[in-house]
Amino acid sequence: MSHIRFPVLAVGTLVLVGAFSMTALSQELLTEKAISVDMAQAMAQAALAQCRANGYRVTATVLDSGGNLKVVIRDDGAALVTVDLSHRKAYSAVAFRRTSGETAKAFGAMSPPPNVAGTVMLAGGVPIKVGNDTIGAIGVSGAPGGDKDEACANAGIAKVADKLK
């Protein structure tokens, strides 16, 4: 009987030690990349400059990973509605971790398409990634077509691409 008790106690001890070590691991702080306001401004300015070079007056909005506003820049002559749309495009990109255009295509195939508060199913929102991690998004609105908005958003991200590592 005592020769059975030892293996049972040994296994029980190993299980408890494993459980305590898992608890200790889960209590560690996480280290995450975050977009600084300077980086957000650089992206928004570069997106605006690209659209201006193409003859478009737009609004560019940059959000952090939680969907919180970092920067919004509305160009002279950009329509008022572009402020809301650029924000919703960026929010769609950060929420779904893909471009708002890709989400629009995926949701467009569903009947009825999901209605998620704060999002819009239009191209022009692009996630900002470091590796596979989405650390924010940029949304652009005001060009004549979401594909052109998205090209300007990508120009904004390209401006700081060397820092997104």
N, C-alpha and C. Protein backbone atom coordinates (compact mmCIF):
# COMPACT_ATOMS: atom_id res chain seq x y z
N MET A 1 0.83 -1.19 0.00
CA MET A 1 0.00 0.00 0.00
C MET A 1 0.88 1.26 0.00
N SER A 2 1.96 1.29 0.79
CA SER A 2 2.81 2.46 0.85
C SER A 2 3.58 2.66 -0.45
N HIS A 3 3.85 1.57 -1.19
CA HIS A 3 4.55 1.71 -2.46
C HIS A 3 3.65 2.34 -3.53
N ILE A 4 2.36 2.36 -3.39
CA ILE A 4 1.44 3.03 -4.30
C ILE A 4 1.31 4.50 -3.91
N ARG A 5 1.37 4.78 -2.62
CA ARG A 5 1.18 6.13 -2.13
C ARG A 5 2.28 7.08 -2.63
N PHE A 6 3.51 6.64 -2.72
CA PHE A 6 4.61 7.50 -3.16
C PHE A 6 4.42 8.00 -4.60
N PRO A 7 4.14 7.12 -5.60
CA PRO A 7 3.92 7.62 -6.96
C PRO A 7 2.74 8.59 -7.05
N VAL A 8 1.69 8.33 -6.28
CA VAL A 8 0.53 9.23 -6.29
C VAL A 8 0.93 10.59 -5.73
N LEU A 9 1.69 10.62 -4.64
CA LEU A 9 2.16 11.88 -4.09
C LEU A 9 3.11 12.60 -5.05
N ALA A 10 3.95 11.85 -5.73
CA ALA A 10 4.90 12.45 -6.68
C ALA A 10 4.15 13.09 -7.84
N VAL A 11 3.18 12.40 -8.38
CA VAL A 11 2.39 12.94 -9.50
C VAL A 11 1.61 14.17 -9.02
N GLY A 12 1.01 14.10 -7.86
CA GLY A 12 0.26 15.22 -7.31
C GLY A 12 1.14 16.44 -7.12
N THR A 13 2.36 16.22 -6.64
CA THR A 13 3.30 17.31 -6.45
C THR A 13 3.67 17.95 -7.78
N LEU A 14 3.92 17.14 -8.80
CA LEU A 14 4.26 17.67 -10.12
C LEU A 14 3.11 18.49 -10.72
N VAL A 15 1.90 18.03 -10.51
CA VAL A 15 0.74 18.76 -11.02
C VAL A 15 0.64 20.12 -10.32
N LEU A 16 0.81 20.16 -9.01
CA LEU A 16 0.74 21.43 -8.28
C LEU A 16 1.86 22.38 -8.68
N VAL A 17 3.08 21.86 -8.84
CA VAL A 17 4.20 22.70 -9.25
C VAL A 17 3.93 23.27 -10.63
N GLY A 18 3.41 22.47 -11.55
CA GLY A 18 3.07 22.94 -12.90
C GLY A 18 2.00 24.01 -12.86
N ALA A 19 1.00 23.83 -12.03
CA ALA A 19 -0.08 24.80 -11.93
C ALA A 19 0.44 26.13 -11.38
N PHE A 20 1.29 26.07 -10.37
CA PHE A 20 1.83 27.30 -9.81
C PHE A 20 2.75 28.02 -10.81
N SER A 21 3.52 27.26 -11.58
CA SER A 21 4.40 27.91 -12.55
C SER A 21 3.59 28.55 -13.67
N MET A 22 2.48 27.95 -14.09
CA MET A 22 1.61 28.55 -15.11
C MET A 22 0.98 29.84 -14.57
N THR A 23 0.59 29.84 -13.30
CA THR A 23 0.02 31.03 -12.69
C THR A 23 1.06 32.15 -12.66
N ALA A 24 2.27 31.79 -12.32
CA ALA A 24 3.33 32.80 -12.27
C ALA A 24 3.60 33.37 -13.67
N LEU A 25 3.57 32.53 -14.70
CA LEU A 25 3.79 33.02 -16.06
C LEU A 25 2.68 33.96 -16.51
N SER A 26 1.46 33.66 -16.14
CA SER A 26 0.34 34.48 -16.60
C SER A 26 0.27 35.82 -15.86
N GLN A 27 1.06 36.00 -14.81
CA GLN A 27 1.04 37.25 -14.07
C GLN A 27 2.12 38.23 -14.53
N GLU A 28 2.85 37.88 -15.55
CA GLU A 28 3.90 38.76 -16.06
C GLU A 28 3.29 39.92 -16.84
N LEU A 29 4.00 41.03 -16.91
CA LEU A 29 3.58 42.16 -17.72
C LEU A 29 3.80 41.86 -19.19
N LEU A 30 2.94 42.39 -20.04
CA LEU A 30 3.10 42.25 -21.48
C LEU A 30 3.84 43.46 -22.02
N THR A 31 4.63 43.23 -23.03
CA THR A 31 5.32 44.32 -23.71
C THR A 31 4.69 44.44 -25.09
N GLU A 32 4.18 45.62 -25.39
CA GLU A 32 3.51 45.84 -26.67
C GLU A 32 4.10 47.06 -27.36
N LYS A 33 4.09 47.02 -28.68
CA LYS A 33 4.50 48.18 -29.47
C LYS A 33 3.33 49.14 -29.51
N ALA A 34 3.62 50.42 -29.53
CA ALA A 34 2.57 51.44 -29.60
C ALA A 34 3.01 52.55 -30.54
N ILE A 35 2.04 53.18 -31.16
CA ILE A 35 2.30 54.28 -32.09
C ILE A 35 2.44 55.57 -31.29
N SER A 36 3.56 56.26 -31.48
CA SER A 36 3.73 57.57 -30.83
C SER A 36 2.94 58.61 -31.61
N VAL A 37 2.68 59.74 -30.97
CA VAL A 37 1.96 60.81 -31.66
C VAL A 37 2.80 61.35 -32.82
N ASP A 38 4.12 61.37 -32.66
CA ASP A 38 4.99 61.83 -33.75
C ASP A 38 4.90 60.91 -34.96
N MET A 39 4.88 59.60 -34.71
CA MET A 39 4.76 58.64 -35.80
C MET A 39 3.38 58.76 -36.46
N ALA A 40 2.35 58.93 -35.65
CA ALA A 40 1.00 59.08 -36.18
C ALA A 40 0.90 60.33 -37.06
N GLN A 41 1.49 61.42 -36.61
CA GLN A 41 1.48 62.65 -37.41
C GLN A 41 2.24 62.47 -38.72
N ALA A 42 3.38 61.78 -38.67
CA ALA A 42 4.17 61.55 -39.88
C ALA A 42 3.36 60.73 -40.89
N MET A 43 2.65 59.71 -40.42
CA MET A 43 1.84 58.89 -41.32
C MET A 43 0.70 59.71 -41.93
N ALA A 44 0.00 60.44 -41.09
CA ALA A 44 -1.14 61.23 -41.58
C ALA A 44 -0.67 62.29 -42.58
N GLN A 45 0.44 62.96 -42.28
CA GLN A 45 0.97 63.99 -43.19
C GLN A 45 1.39 63.38 -44.53
N ALA A 46 2.03 62.19 -44.48
CA ALA A 46 2.47 61.53 -45.72
C ALA A 46 1.27 61.09 -46.55
N ALA A 47 0.22 60.59 -45.89
CA ALA A 47 -0.99 60.20 -46.61
C ALA A 47 -1.63 61.41 -47.27
N LEU A 48 -1.72 62.50 -46.51
CA LEU A 48 -2.29 63.75 -47.04
C LEU A 48 -1.46 64.26 -48.22
N ALA A 49 -0.16 64.22 -48.09
CA ALA A 49 0.73 64.69 -49.17
C ALA A 49 0.56 63.85 -50.43
N GLN A 50 0.44 62.55 -50.27
CA GLN A 50 0.26 61.67 -51.44
C GLN A 50 -1.06 61.99 -52.15
N CYS A 51 -2.12 62.16 -51.38
CA CYS A 51 -3.41 62.49 -51.99
C CYS A 51 -3.37 63.88 -52.64
N ARG A 52 -2.72 64.82 -52.00
CA ARG A 52 -2.59 66.17 -52.59
C ARG A 52 -1.86 66.09 -53.93
N ALA A 53 -0.79 65.30 -53.96
CA ALA A 53 -0.01 65.14 -55.20
C ALA A 53 -0.88 64.57 -56.32
N ASN A 54 -1.90 63.80 -55.95
CA ASN A 54 -2.81 63.22 -56.93
C ASN A 54 -4.02 64.12 -57.19
N GLY A 55 -4.07 65.27 -56.52
CA GLY A 55 -5.15 66.22 -56.74
C GLY A 55 -6.37 66.01 -55.86
N TYR A 56 -6.23 65.27 -54.76
CA TYR A 56 -7.37 64.98 -53.88
C TYR A 56 -7.22 65.71 -52.55
N ARG A 57 -8.31 66.17 -52.02
CA ARG A 57 -8.37 66.80 -50.70
C ARG A 57 -9.04 65.80 -49.76
N VAL A 58 -8.31 65.35 -48.76
CA VAL A 58 -8.77 64.25 -47.92
C VAL A 58 -8.59 64.55 -46.44
N THR A 59 -9.12 63.64 -45.65
CA THR A 59 -8.85 63.59 -44.21
C THR A 59 -8.15 62.28 -43.93
N ALA A 60 -7.13 62.33 -43.09
CA ALA A 60 -6.40 61.13 -42.67
C ALA A 60 -6.53 61.00 -41.15
N THR A 61 -6.89 59.82 -40.69
CA THR A 61 -7.06 59.54 -39.26
C THR A 61 -6.19 58.36 -38.88
N VAL A 62 -5.46 58.48 -37.78
CA VAL A 62 -4.64 57.39 -37.25
C VAL A 62 -5.19 57.01 -35.88
N LEU A 63 -5.41 55.71 -35.67
CA LEU A 63 -5.88 55.17 -34.40
C LEU A 63 -4.83 54.24 -33.82
N ASP A 64 -4.84 54.08 -32.49
CA ASP A 64 -3.95 53.11 -31.85
C ASP A 64 -4.60 51.73 -31.87
N SER A 65 -3.96 50.75 -31.24
CA SER A 65 -4.45 49.37 -31.29
C SER A 65 -5.80 49.17 -30.62
N GLY A 66 -6.18 50.07 -29.73
CA GLY A 66 -7.48 49.98 -29.07
C GLY A 66 -8.57 50.75 -29.78
N GLY A 67 -8.24 51.31 -30.94
CA GLY A 67 -9.21 52.10 -31.69
C GLY A 67 -9.35 53.53 -31.21
N ASN A 68 -8.41 53.96 -30.38
CA ASN A 68 -8.43 55.33 -29.85
C ASN A 68 -7.73 56.29 -30.80
N LEU A 69 -8.26 57.48 -30.90
CA LEU A 69 -7.74 58.49 -31.81
C LEU A 69 -6.34 58.95 -31.39
N LYS A 70 -5.41 58.94 -32.36
CA LYS A 70 -4.08 59.50 -32.16
C LYS A 70 -3.96 60.83 -32.90
N VAL A 71 -4.36 60.84 -34.18
CA VAL A 71 -4.24 62.04 -35.00
C VAL A 71 -5.34 62.05 -36.06
N VAL A 72 -5.87 63.23 -36.32
CA VAL A 72 -6.75 63.43 -37.47
C VAL A 72 -6.34 64.73 -38.13
N ILE A 73 -6.15 64.68 -39.45
CA ILE A 73 -5.79 65.87 -40.23
C ILE A 73 -6.76 65.98 -41.40
N ARG A 74 -7.45 67.10 -41.45
CA ARG A 74 -8.39 67.37 -42.55
C ARG A 74 -7.78 68.46 -43.42
N ASP A 75 -7.56 68.12 -44.68
CA ASP A 75 -6.95 69.05 -45.61
C ASP A 75 -7.90 70.19 -45.94
N ASP A 76 -7.33 71.31 -46.34
CA ASP A 76 -8.14 72.43 -46.81
C ASP A 76 -8.98 71.94 -47.98
N GLY A 77 -10.26 72.21 -47.93
CA GLY A 77 -11.14 71.83 -49.02
C GLY A 77 -11.69 70.42 -48.94
N ALA A 78 -11.26 69.63 -47.95
CA ALA A 78 -11.82 68.28 -47.80
C ALA A 78 -13.24 68.39 -47.25
N ALA A 79 -14.12 67.56 -47.75
CA ALA A 79 -15.51 67.59 -47.31
C ALA A 79 -15.61 67.23 -45.83
N LEU A 80 -16.58 67.82 -45.16
CA LEU A 80 -16.77 67.58 -43.73
C LEU A 80 -17.00 66.10 -43.42
N VAL A 81 -17.72 65.40 -44.25
CA VAL A 81 -18.04 63.99 -44.01
C VAL A 81 -16.79 63.11 -44.01
N THR A 82 -15.69 63.59 -44.60
CA THR A 82 -14.47 62.79 -44.64
C THR A 82 -13.87 62.56 -43.26
N VAL A 83 -14.17 63.43 -42.31
CA VAL A 83 -13.65 63.26 -40.94
C VAL A 83 -14.23 61.98 -40.34
N ASP A 84 -15.54 61.84 -40.41
CA ASP A 84 -16.20 60.65 -39.87
C ASP A 84 -15.81 59.39 -40.65
N LEU A 85 -15.83 59.48 -41.96
CA LEU A 85 -15.53 58.29 -42.78
C LEU A 85 -14.09 57.81 -42.59
N SER A 86 -13.13 58.72 -42.51
CA SER A 86 -11.74 58.29 -42.32
C SER A 86 -11.58 57.59 -40.97
N HIS A 87 -12.27 58.09 -39.96
CA HIS A 87 -12.22 57.46 -38.64
C HIS A 87 -12.83 56.06 -38.70
N ARG A 88 -13.97 55.94 -39.33
CA ARG A 88 -14.65 54.64 -39.40
C ARG A 88 -13.86 53.64 -40.25
N LYS A 89 -13.19 54.11 -41.28
CA LYS A 89 -12.35 53.23 -42.10
C LYS A 89 -11.17 52.72 -41.27
N ALA A 90 -10.53 53.62 -40.52
CA ALA A 90 -9.42 53.22 -39.66
C ALA A 90 -9.90 52.25 -38.59
N TYR A 91 -11.06 52.53 -37.98
CA TYR A 91 -11.60 51.67 -36.94
C TYR A 91 -11.92 50.28 -37.49
N SER A 92 -12.44 50.22 -38.71
CA SER A 92 -12.71 48.93 -39.35
C SER A 92 -11.42 48.14 -39.53
N ALA A 93 -10.37 48.83 -39.95
CA ALA A 93 -9.08 48.16 -40.18
C ALA A 93 -8.47 47.64 -38.89
N VAL A 94 -8.54 48.42 -37.81
CA VAL A 94 -7.95 47.97 -36.55
C VAL A 94 -8.82 46.89 -35.91
N ALA A 95 -10.13 47.01 -36.03
CA ALA A 95 -11.03 46.03 -35.41
C ALA A 95 -10.93 44.65 -36.07
N PHE A 96 -10.84 44.63 -37.40
CA PHE A 96 -10.81 43.35 -38.12
C PHE A 96 -9.40 42.95 -38.54
N ARG A 97 -8.43 43.79 -38.28
CA ARG A 97 -7.00 43.51 -38.53
C ARG A 97 -6.70 43.17 -39.99
N ARG A 98 -7.41 43.86 -40.85
CA ARG A 98 -7.19 43.78 -42.29
C ARG A 98 -7.74 45.07 -42.89
N THR A 99 -7.48 45.29 -44.17
CA THR A 99 -7.96 46.54 -44.75
C THR A 99 -9.48 46.59 -44.71
N SER A 100 -10.00 47.80 -44.64
CA SER A 100 -11.46 47.94 -44.63
C SER A 100 -12.05 47.46 -45.95
N GLY A 101 -11.30 47.55 -47.03
CA GLY A 101 -11.75 47.04 -48.32
C GLY A 101 -11.88 45.53 -48.31
N GLU A 102 -10.91 44.83 -47.69
CA GLU A 102 -10.99 43.37 -47.58
C GLU A 102 -12.19 42.96 -46.73
N THR A 103 -12.44 43.69 -45.66
CA THR A 103 -13.59 43.40 -44.81
C THR A 103 -14.88 43.64 -45.57
N ALA A 104 -14.94 44.72 -46.34
CA ALA A 104 -16.13 45.01 -47.13
C ALA A 104 -16.44 43.89 -48.11
N LYS A 105 -15.40 43.35 -48.75
CA LYS A 105 -15.60 42.24 -49.69
C LYS A 105 -16.09 41.00 -48.96
N ALA A 106 -15.47 40.68 -47.82
CA ALA A 106 -15.86 39.49 -47.06
C ALA A 106 -17.29 39.61 -46.53
N PHE A 107 -17.63 40.77 -45.99
CA PHE A 107 -18.97 40.97 -45.43
C PHE A 107 -20.02 41.14 -46.51
N GLY A 108 -19.61 41.65 -47.67
CA GLY A 108 -20.55 41.83 -48.77
C GLY A 108 -21.13 40.52 -49.27
N ALA A 109 -20.38 39.44 -49.07
CA ALA A 109 -20.85 38.12 -49.49
C ALA A 109 -21.86 37.52 -48.51
N MET A 110 -22.00 38.13 -47.33
CA MET A 110 -22.92 37.62 -46.31
C MET A 110 -24.29 38.28 -46.47
N SER A 111 -25.31 37.52 -46.17
CA SER A 111 -26.65 38.07 -46.26
C SER A 111 -27.42 37.79 -44.97
N PRO A 112 -27.77 38.77 -44.19
CA PRO A 112 -27.39 40.17 -44.34
C PRO A 112 -25.97 40.38 -43.83
N PRO A 113 -25.32 41.43 -44.31
CA PRO A 113 -23.96 41.71 -43.81
C PRO A 113 -24.02 42.16 -42.35
N PRO A 114 -23.00 41.81 -41.56
CA PRO A 114 -22.98 42.24 -40.15
C PRO A 114 -22.94 43.76 -40.04
N ASN A 115 -23.57 44.27 -39.01
CA ASN A 115 -23.56 45.70 -38.73
C ASN A 115 -22.79 45.89 -37.42
N VAL A 116 -21.54 46.29 -37.52
CA VAL A 116 -20.68 46.47 -36.35
C VAL A 116 -20.52 47.97 -36.11
N ALA A 117 -20.92 48.40 -34.92
CA ALA A 117 -20.88 49.83 -34.58
C ALA A 117 -19.50 50.42 -34.80
N GLY A 118 -19.45 51.58 -35.42
CA GLY A 118 -18.19 52.31 -35.62
C GLY A 118 -17.44 51.93 -36.87
N THR A 119 -17.90 50.90 -37.58
CA THR A 119 -17.20 50.46 -38.78
C THR A 119 -17.94 50.93 -40.02
N VAL A 120 -17.27 50.86 -41.16
CA VAL A 120 -17.87 51.18 -42.45
C VAL A 120 -17.29 50.21 -43.47
N MET A 121 -18.09 49.77 -44.37
CA MET A 121 -17.65 48.79 -45.36
C MET A 121 -17.24 49.50 -46.66
N LEU A 122 -16.19 50.30 -46.55
CA LEU A 122 -15.61 51.03 -47.68
C LEU A 122 -14.09 50.91 -47.61
N ALA A 123 -13.43 50.85 -48.74
CA ALA A 123 -11.97 50.79 -48.78
C ALA A 123 -11.39 52.14 -48.35
N GLY A 124 -10.18 52.08 -47.79
CA GLY A 124 -9.48 53.29 -47.38
C GLY A 124 -8.88 53.19 -45.99
N GLY A 125 -9.17 52.11 -45.27
CA GLY A 125 -8.59 51.87 -43.95
C GLY A 125 -7.56 50.75 -44.03
N VAL A 126 -6.38 50.99 -43.46
CA VAL A 126 -5.28 50.01 -43.54
C VAL A 126 -4.71 49.80 -42.15
N PRO A 127 -4.57 48.51 -41.73
CA PRO A 127 -3.97 48.26 -40.42
C PRO A 127 -2.47 48.60 -40.43
N ILE A 128 -1.97 49.05 -39.30
CA ILE A 128 -0.54 49.31 -39.13
C ILE A 128 0.00 48.13 -38.34
N LYS A 129 0.94 47.42 -38.93
CA LYS A 129 1.41 46.17 -38.33
C LYS A 129 2.90 46.20 -38.04
N VAL A 130 3.25 45.50 -36.97
CA VAL A 130 4.63 45.16 -36.66
C VAL A 130 4.64 43.65 -36.63
N GLY A 131 5.23 43.05 -37.66
CA GLY A 131 5.13 41.60 -37.80
C GLY A 131 3.67 41.24 -38.03
N ASN A 132 3.14 40.33 -37.20
CA ASN A 132 1.73 39.94 -37.30
C ASN A 132 0.84 40.73 -36.36
N ASP A 133 1.43 41.59 -35.54
CA ASP A 133 0.66 42.36 -34.56
C ASP A 133 0.14 43.66 -35.15
N THR A 134 -1.16 43.89 -34.98
CA THR A 134 -1.77 45.14 -35.42
C THR A 134 -1.63 46.15 -34.28
N ILE A 135 -0.92 47.24 -34.54
CA ILE A 135 -0.68 48.24 -33.49
C ILE A 135 -1.49 49.51 -33.72
N GLY A 136 -2.30 49.52 -34.75
CA GLY A 136 -3.13 50.67 -35.05
C GLY A 136 -3.64 50.58 -36.47
N ALA A 137 -4.18 51.69 -36.96
CA ALA A 137 -4.67 51.74 -38.33
C ALA A 137 -4.72 53.19 -38.79
N ILE A 138 -4.69 53.35 -40.10
CA ILE A 138 -4.85 54.67 -40.72
C ILE A 138 -6.02 54.58 -41.69
N GLY A 139 -6.86 55.59 -41.65
CA GLY A 139 -7.98 55.67 -42.57
C GLY A 139 -7.92 56.97 -43.34
N VAL A 140 -8.22 56.90 -44.63
CA VAL A 140 -8.23 58.08 -45.49
C VAL A 140 -9.56 58.14 -46.21
N SER A 141 -10.11 59.35 -46.31
CA SER A 141 -11.37 59.54 -47.02
C SER A 141 -11.34 60.86 -47.76
N GLY A 142 -11.91 60.85 -48.97
CA GLY A 142 -12.03 62.07 -49.75
C GLY A 142 -11.59 61.93 -51.19
N ALA A 143 -10.77 60.93 -51.49
CA ALA A 143 -10.38 60.70 -52.88
C ALA A 143 -11.58 60.09 -53.62
N PRO A 144 -11.60 60.18 -54.94
CA PRO A 144 -12.73 59.63 -55.69
C PRO A 144 -12.63 58.10 -55.83
N GLY A 145 -12.80 57.40 -54.73
CA GLY A 145 -12.75 55.94 -54.74
C GLY A 145 -11.91 55.42 -53.60
N GLY A 146 -12.39 54.37 -52.96
CA GLY A 146 -11.69 53.78 -51.83
C GLY A 146 -10.31 53.27 -52.16
N ASP A 147 -10.11 52.81 -53.40
CA ASP A 147 -8.79 52.32 -53.80
C ASP A 147 -7.76 53.44 -53.76
N LYS A 148 -8.18 54.65 -54.12
CA LYS A 148 -7.27 55.80 -54.07
C LYS A 148 -7.02 56.24 -52.63
N ASP A 149 -8.06 56.16 -51.79
CA ASP A 149 -7.88 56.44 -50.36
C ASP A 149 -6.87 55.45 -49.76
N GLU A 150 -7.03 54.18 -50.11
CA GLU A 150 -6.15 53.14 -49.58
C GLU A 150 -4.70 53.34 -50.04
N ALA A 151 -4.52 53.76 -51.28
CA ALA A 151 -3.16 54.03 -51.78
C ALA A 151 -2.50 55.14 -50.96
N CYS A 152 -3.27 56.16 -50.60
CA CYS A 152 -2.72 57.25 -49.78
C CYS A 152 -2.42 56.76 -48.37
N ALA A 153 -3.29 55.92 -47.82
CA ALA A 153 -3.05 55.35 -46.49
C ALA A 153 -1.77 54.52 -46.49
N ASN A 154 -1.58 53.73 -47.55
CA ASN A 154 -0.36 52.93 -47.66
C ASN A 154 0.88 53.81 -47.78
N ALA A 155 0.75 54.95 -48.44
CA ALA A 155 1.87 55.90 -48.52
C ALA A 155 2.23 56.43 -47.13
N GLY A 156 1.21 56.63 -46.31
CA GLY A 156 1.46 57.07 -44.94
C GLY A 156 2.23 56.04 -44.14
N ILE A 157 1.85 54.78 -44.28
CA ILE A 157 2.54 53.70 -43.56
C ILE A 157 3.96 53.55 -44.11
N ALA A 158 4.12 53.66 -45.42
CA ALA A 158 5.44 53.53 -46.04
C ALA A 158 6.42 54.57 -45.49
N LYS A 159 5.90 55.74 -45.13
CA LYS A 159 6.75 56.82 -44.59
C LYS A 159 7.50 56.38 -43.33
N VAL A 160 6.89 55.50 -42.53
CA VAL A 160 7.51 55.09 -41.27
C VAL A 160 7.83 53.59 -41.25
N ALA A 161 7.82 52.96 -42.41
CA ALA A 161 8.00 51.51 -42.50
C ALA A 161 9.28 51.03 -41.81
N ASP A 162 10.34 51.80 -41.88
CA ASP A 162 11.61 51.39 -41.27
C ASP A 162 11.52 51.35 -39.74
N LYS A 163 10.54 52.03 -39.16
CA LYS A 163 10.37 52.05 -37.70
C LYS A 163 9.37 50.99 -37.22
N LEU A 164 8.71 50.33 -38.15
CA LEU A 164 7.71 49.32 -37.81
C LEU A 164 8.33 47.93 -37.80
N LYS A 165 9.34 47.77 -37.00
CA LYS A 165 10.03 46.48 -36.90
C LYS A 165 10.18 46.05 -35.49
